[in-house]
N, C-alpha and C. Protein backbone atom coordinates (compact mmCIF):
# COMPACT_ATOMS: atom_id res chain seq x y z
N MET A 1 183.28 110.14 123.10
CA MET A 1 181.99 110.94 123.32
C MET A 1 181.10 110.34 124.41
N ALA A 2 181.49 110.45 125.65
CA ALA A 2 180.85 109.91 126.86
C ALA A 2 179.48 110.54 126.87
N ASP A 3 179.14 111.86 126.76
CA ASP A 3 177.86 112.14 126.77
C ASP A 3 177.33 112.39 125.57
N ALA A 4 177.58 111.53 124.32
CA ALA A 4 176.82 111.68 123.19
C ALA A 4 175.67 111.10 123.03
N LEU A 5 174.90 111.79 122.04
CA LEU A 5 173.51 111.22 121.85
C LEU A 5 173.76 109.84 120.87
N THR A 6 173.06 109.11 120.88
CA THR A 6 173.08 107.71 119.90
C THR A 6 171.83 107.44 119.27
N ALA A 7 171.95 106.78 118.28
CA ALA A 7 170.85 106.17 117.54
C ALA A 7 171.41 104.92 116.95
N SER A 8 170.53 103.91 116.66
CA SER A 8 170.96 102.59 116.24
C SER A 8 170.02 102.20 115.16
N ALA A 9 170.56 101.21 114.15
CA ALA A 9 169.60 100.61 113.24
C ALA A 9 170.11 99.15 112.89
N SER A 10 169.34 98.40 112.70
CA SER A 10 169.68 96.93 112.20
C SER A 10 169.13 96.73 110.95
N VAL A 11 169.97 96.64 109.83
CA VAL A 11 169.61 96.60 108.52
C VAL A 11 169.73 95.22 108.04
N ALA A 12 168.45 94.43 107.79
CA ALA A 12 168.60 93.19 107.27
C ALA A 12 169.20 93.13 105.69
N THR A 13 170.26 92.23 105.57
CA THR A 13 171.00 92.24 104.34
C THR A 13 171.56 90.87 104.20
N ASP A 14 171.76 90.19 103.25
CA ASP A 14 172.48 88.94 103.04
C ASP A 14 174.06 89.13 102.73
N ALA A 15 174.33 90.55 102.56
CA ALA A 15 175.77 91.00 102.48
C ALA A 15 176.33 91.95 103.39
N PRO A 16 176.05 92.03 104.68
CA PRO A 16 176.44 93.03 105.51
C PRO A 16 177.98 93.48 105.37
N ALA A 17 178.93 92.64 105.18
CA ALA A 17 180.31 93.09 104.98
C ALA A 17 180.64 93.97 103.67
N ARG A 18 179.71 93.33 102.82
CA ARG A 18 179.99 94.16 101.41
C ARG A 18 179.51 95.43 101.54
N TYR A 19 178.25 95.65 102.18
CA TYR A 19 177.54 97.03 102.09
C TYR A 19 178.54 97.91 103.36
N ALA A 20 179.22 97.56 104.26
CA ALA A 20 179.83 98.09 105.27
C ALA A 20 181.01 98.57 104.55
N LYS A 21 181.86 97.64 103.62
CA LYS A 21 182.85 98.11 102.85
C LYS A 21 182.39 99.43 101.91
N GLN A 22 181.66 99.22 101.07
CA GLN A 22 181.17 100.07 100.03
C GLN A 22 180.70 101.32 100.76
N LEU A 23 180.01 101.39 101.92
CA LEU A 23 179.71 102.59 102.51
C LEU A 23 180.95 103.34 102.97
N ALA A 24 181.78 102.58 103.54
CA ALA A 24 183.12 103.14 104.30
C ALA A 24 183.95 103.77 103.13
N SER A 25 183.94 103.12 102.21
CA SER A 25 184.80 103.42 100.83
C SER A 25 184.15 104.82 100.15
N HIS A 26 182.91 104.71 100.07
CA HIS A 26 182.49 105.89 99.35
C HIS A 26 182.40 107.11 100.32
N LEU A 27 182.06 106.69 101.78
CA LEU A 27 182.06 108.16 102.56
C LEU A 27 183.45 108.45 103.08
N GLY A 28 184.28 107.55 102.86
CA GLY A 28 185.72 107.95 103.23
C GLY A 28 186.39 108.97 102.22
N ARG A 29 185.72 109.29 101.16
CA ARG A 29 186.24 110.30 100.40
C ARG A 29 186.11 111.68 101.00
N ARG A 30 185.22 111.93 101.97
CA ARG A 30 184.97 113.15 102.68
C ARG A 30 185.11 112.90 104.27
N ALA A 31 185.27 111.72 104.61
CA ALA A 31 185.21 111.60 106.10
C ALA A 31 186.33 110.52 106.51
N SER A 32 186.76 110.45 107.85
CA SER A 32 187.81 109.57 108.09
C SER A 32 187.15 108.25 108.36
N VAL A 33 187.94 107.10 107.86
CA VAL A 33 187.23 105.77 108.22
C VAL A 33 188.33 105.06 109.21
N VAL A 34 188.19 104.46 110.28
CA VAL A 34 188.71 103.99 111.38
C VAL A 34 188.39 102.47 111.41
N GLU A 35 189.27 101.68 111.24
CA GLU A 35 188.92 100.15 111.61
C GLU A 35 189.03 100.03 113.09
N GLU A 36 187.88 99.46 113.82
CA GLU A 36 188.05 98.98 115.16
C GLU A 36 187.91 97.57 115.20
N LYS A 37 188.07 97.19 116.41
CA LYS A 37 187.74 95.48 116.85
C LYS A 37 186.21 95.34 116.44
N ALA A 38 185.34 96.38 116.88
CA ALA A 38 183.69 96.07 116.56
C ALA A 38 183.47 96.38 115.20
N GLY A 39 184.23 96.80 114.49
CA GLY A 39 183.65 97.18 113.06
C GLY A 39 184.53 98.29 112.43
N THR A 40 183.77 99.05 111.61
CA THR A 40 184.29 100.13 110.84
C THR A 40 183.58 101.48 111.34
N ARG A 41 184.42 102.49 111.79
CA ARG A 41 183.71 103.71 112.40
C ARG A 41 183.95 104.80 110.92
N ILE A 42 182.75 105.42 110.54
CA ILE A 42 182.89 106.35 109.80
C ILE A 42 182.88 107.77 110.67
N VAL A 43 183.93 108.49 110.61
CA VAL A 43 183.89 109.91 111.32
C VAL A 43 183.50 110.97 110.52
N LEU A 44 182.63 111.67 110.84
CA LEU A 44 182.32 112.91 110.21
C LEU A 44 182.47 113.97 111.01
N PRO A 45 182.66 115.27 110.64
CA PRO A 45 182.95 116.42 111.47
C PRO A 45 181.92 116.58 112.69
N VAL A 46 180.64 115.99 112.59
CA VAL A 46 179.45 116.20 113.55
C VAL A 46 179.21 114.89 114.09
N GLY A 47 180.06 113.95 113.89
CA GLY A 47 179.63 112.90 114.71
C GLY A 47 180.34 111.39 114.13
N SER A 48 179.84 110.37 114.51
CA SER A 48 180.44 109.11 113.75
C SER A 48 179.53 108.21 113.71
N CYS A 49 179.68 107.00 113.11
CA CYS A 49 178.69 105.81 112.72
C CYS A 49 179.60 104.54 112.92
N LEU A 50 179.35 103.74 113.79
CA LEU A 50 180.17 102.34 113.76
C LEU A 50 179.14 101.25 112.96
N LEU A 51 179.76 100.89 111.81
CA LEU A 51 179.32 99.63 111.16
C LEU A 51 179.75 98.54 111.52
N THR A 52 178.76 97.49 111.83
CA THR A 52 179.18 96.20 112.42
C THR A 52 178.48 94.94 111.71
N PRO A 53 179.18 94.49 110.74
CA PRO A 53 178.44 93.28 110.03
C PRO A 53 178.11 92.10 111.16
N ALA A 54 176.86 91.69 111.15
CA ALA A 54 176.44 90.39 111.67
C ALA A 54 175.86 89.48 110.93
N GLU A 55 175.27 88.47 111.58
CA GLU A 55 174.67 87.39 110.75
C GLU A 55 173.45 87.78 110.32
N GLY A 56 173.24 88.07 109.05
CA GLY A 56 172.10 88.43 108.32
C GLY A 56 171.58 89.98 108.42
N SER A 57 172.57 90.68 109.06
CA SER A 57 172.30 92.34 109.16
C SER A 57 173.52 93.20 109.30
N LEU A 58 173.19 94.40 108.95
CA LEU A 58 174.50 95.48 109.27
C LEU A 58 173.82 96.23 110.32
N GLU A 59 174.73 96.18 111.61
CA GLU A 59 174.43 97.08 112.68
C GLU A 59 175.04 98.40 112.54
N LEU A 60 174.17 99.11 112.68
CA LEU A 60 174.95 100.77 112.59
C LEU A 60 174.58 101.52 114.21
N ARG A 61 175.44 102.22 114.64
CA ARG A 61 175.42 102.87 115.72
C ARG A 61 175.80 104.20 115.53
N ALA A 62 175.18 105.43 115.46
CA ALA A 62 175.57 106.77 115.40
C ALA A 62 175.75 107.41 116.58
N ASP A 63 176.60 108.29 116.75
CA ASP A 63 176.92 109.04 117.74
C ASP A 63 177.40 110.39 117.52
N ALA A 64 176.80 111.51 118.17
CA ALA A 64 177.12 112.84 117.93
C ALA A 64 176.89 113.61 119.38
N ALA A 65 177.33 114.85 119.52
CA ALA A 65 177.46 115.63 120.54
C ALA A 65 176.06 116.29 120.86
N ASP A 66 175.28 116.50 119.66
CA ASP A 66 174.02 117.14 119.72
C ASP A 66 173.19 116.55 118.66
N GLU A 67 171.90 117.01 118.94
CA GLU A 67 170.69 116.59 118.09
C GLU A 67 170.97 116.99 116.67
N GLU A 68 171.27 118.07 116.43
CA GLU A 68 171.85 118.49 114.93
C GLU A 68 172.79 117.51 114.27
N GLY A 69 173.95 117.30 115.21
CA GLY A 69 175.01 116.49 114.72
C GLY A 69 174.25 115.00 114.34
N LEU A 70 173.61 114.52 115.39
CA LEU A 70 172.94 113.41 115.21
C LEU A 70 172.34 113.08 113.97
N ALA A 71 171.45 114.20 113.71
CA ALA A 71 170.43 114.06 112.48
C ALA A 71 171.41 114.18 111.24
N VAL A 72 172.37 114.89 111.18
CA VAL A 72 173.34 114.64 110.03
C VAL A 72 173.90 113.46 109.91
N VAL A 73 174.31 112.76 110.78
CA VAL A 73 175.13 111.49 110.79
C VAL A 73 174.14 110.29 110.38
N THR A 74 172.65 110.36 110.97
CA THR A 74 171.98 109.31 110.46
C THR A 74 171.46 109.61 109.30
N ASP A 75 171.29 110.79 108.89
CA ASP A 75 170.86 110.99 107.53
C ASP A 75 171.91 110.62 106.37
N VAL A 76 173.06 111.05 106.64
CA VAL A 76 174.13 110.73 105.54
C VAL A 76 174.27 109.31 105.37
N VAL A 77 174.29 108.40 106.80
CA VAL A 77 174.71 106.94 106.67
C VAL A 77 173.43 106.31 106.01
N GLY A 78 172.28 106.70 106.60
CA GLY A 78 170.98 105.84 106.13
C GLY A 78 170.81 106.32 104.60
N ARG A 79 170.88 107.32 104.27
CA ARG A 79 170.54 107.68 102.95
C ARG A 79 171.52 107.09 101.77
N HIS A 80 172.79 107.04 102.03
CA HIS A 80 173.79 106.45 101.12
C HIS A 80 173.53 104.94 101.32
N LEU A 81 173.35 104.17 102.40
CA LEU A 81 173.13 102.80 102.40
C LEU A 81 171.96 102.44 101.72
N GLU A 82 170.92 103.14 102.00
CA GLU A 82 169.63 102.80 101.06
C GLU A 82 169.69 102.87 99.71
N ARG A 83 170.50 103.94 99.24
CA ARG A 83 170.72 103.91 97.76
C ARG A 83 171.74 102.82 97.17
N PHE A 84 172.75 102.54 98.16
CA PHE A 84 173.48 101.49 97.73
C PHE A 84 172.61 100.05 97.55
N GLY A 85 171.85 99.94 98.41
CA GLY A 85 170.95 98.64 98.57
C GLY A 85 169.57 98.80 97.98
N GLN A 86 169.61 99.58 97.19
CA GLN A 86 168.14 100.11 96.48
C GLN A 86 167.54 98.85 95.90
N ARG A 87 168.40 97.81 95.20
CA ARG A 87 168.32 96.79 94.35
C ARG A 87 167.50 95.77 95.09
N ASN A 88 168.03 95.77 96.56
CA ASN A 88 167.70 94.77 97.46
C ASN A 88 166.73 95.30 98.40
N GLU A 89 166.25 96.39 98.34
CA GLU A 89 165.27 97.12 99.01
C GLU A 89 165.77 97.27 100.38
N LEU A 90 167.17 97.72 100.70
CA LEU A 90 167.42 97.87 102.10
C LEU A 90 166.50 99.10 102.74
N THR A 91 166.34 98.95 103.91
CA THR A 91 165.69 100.11 104.86
C THR A 91 166.36 100.20 105.93
N VAL A 92 166.65 101.70 106.20
CA VAL A 92 167.37 101.85 107.44
C VAL A 92 166.33 102.72 108.41
N THR A 93 166.20 102.03 109.67
CA THR A 93 165.29 102.72 110.46
C THR A 93 165.98 103.00 111.82
N TRP A 94 166.20 104.15 112.12
CA TRP A 94 167.04 104.49 113.05
C TRP A 94 165.97 104.47 114.63
N THR A 95 166.72 104.10 115.55
CA THR A 95 166.05 104.07 116.98
C THR A 95 166.97 104.73 118.06
N ARG A 96 166.14 105.32 118.97
CA ARG A 96 167.05 106.02 119.83
C ARG A 96 166.60 105.13 121.25
N PRO A 97 167.60 105.22 121.96
CA PRO A 97 167.67 104.63 123.40
C PRO A 97 166.70 105.34 124.38
């Protein structure tokens, strides 16, 4: 997606790899999950999101061809991650370049 729109988020957590695995497993029922060198990519029909565990955070990068697709990807990934991390008060705040 060379001309894709992007949004990113850095989610503070002590268990970034666990949340990435849980999110990929859950969303993998309805989407494709691709392991890449940089992390795990969840591929939805309208775009994708790369999940990269880092020291103390889970880094998210959403890509889509248009605003509507990007809104769907950020909503789906953010909403599910916040639900999984509700006990630990995870918050996903997307930013645009």
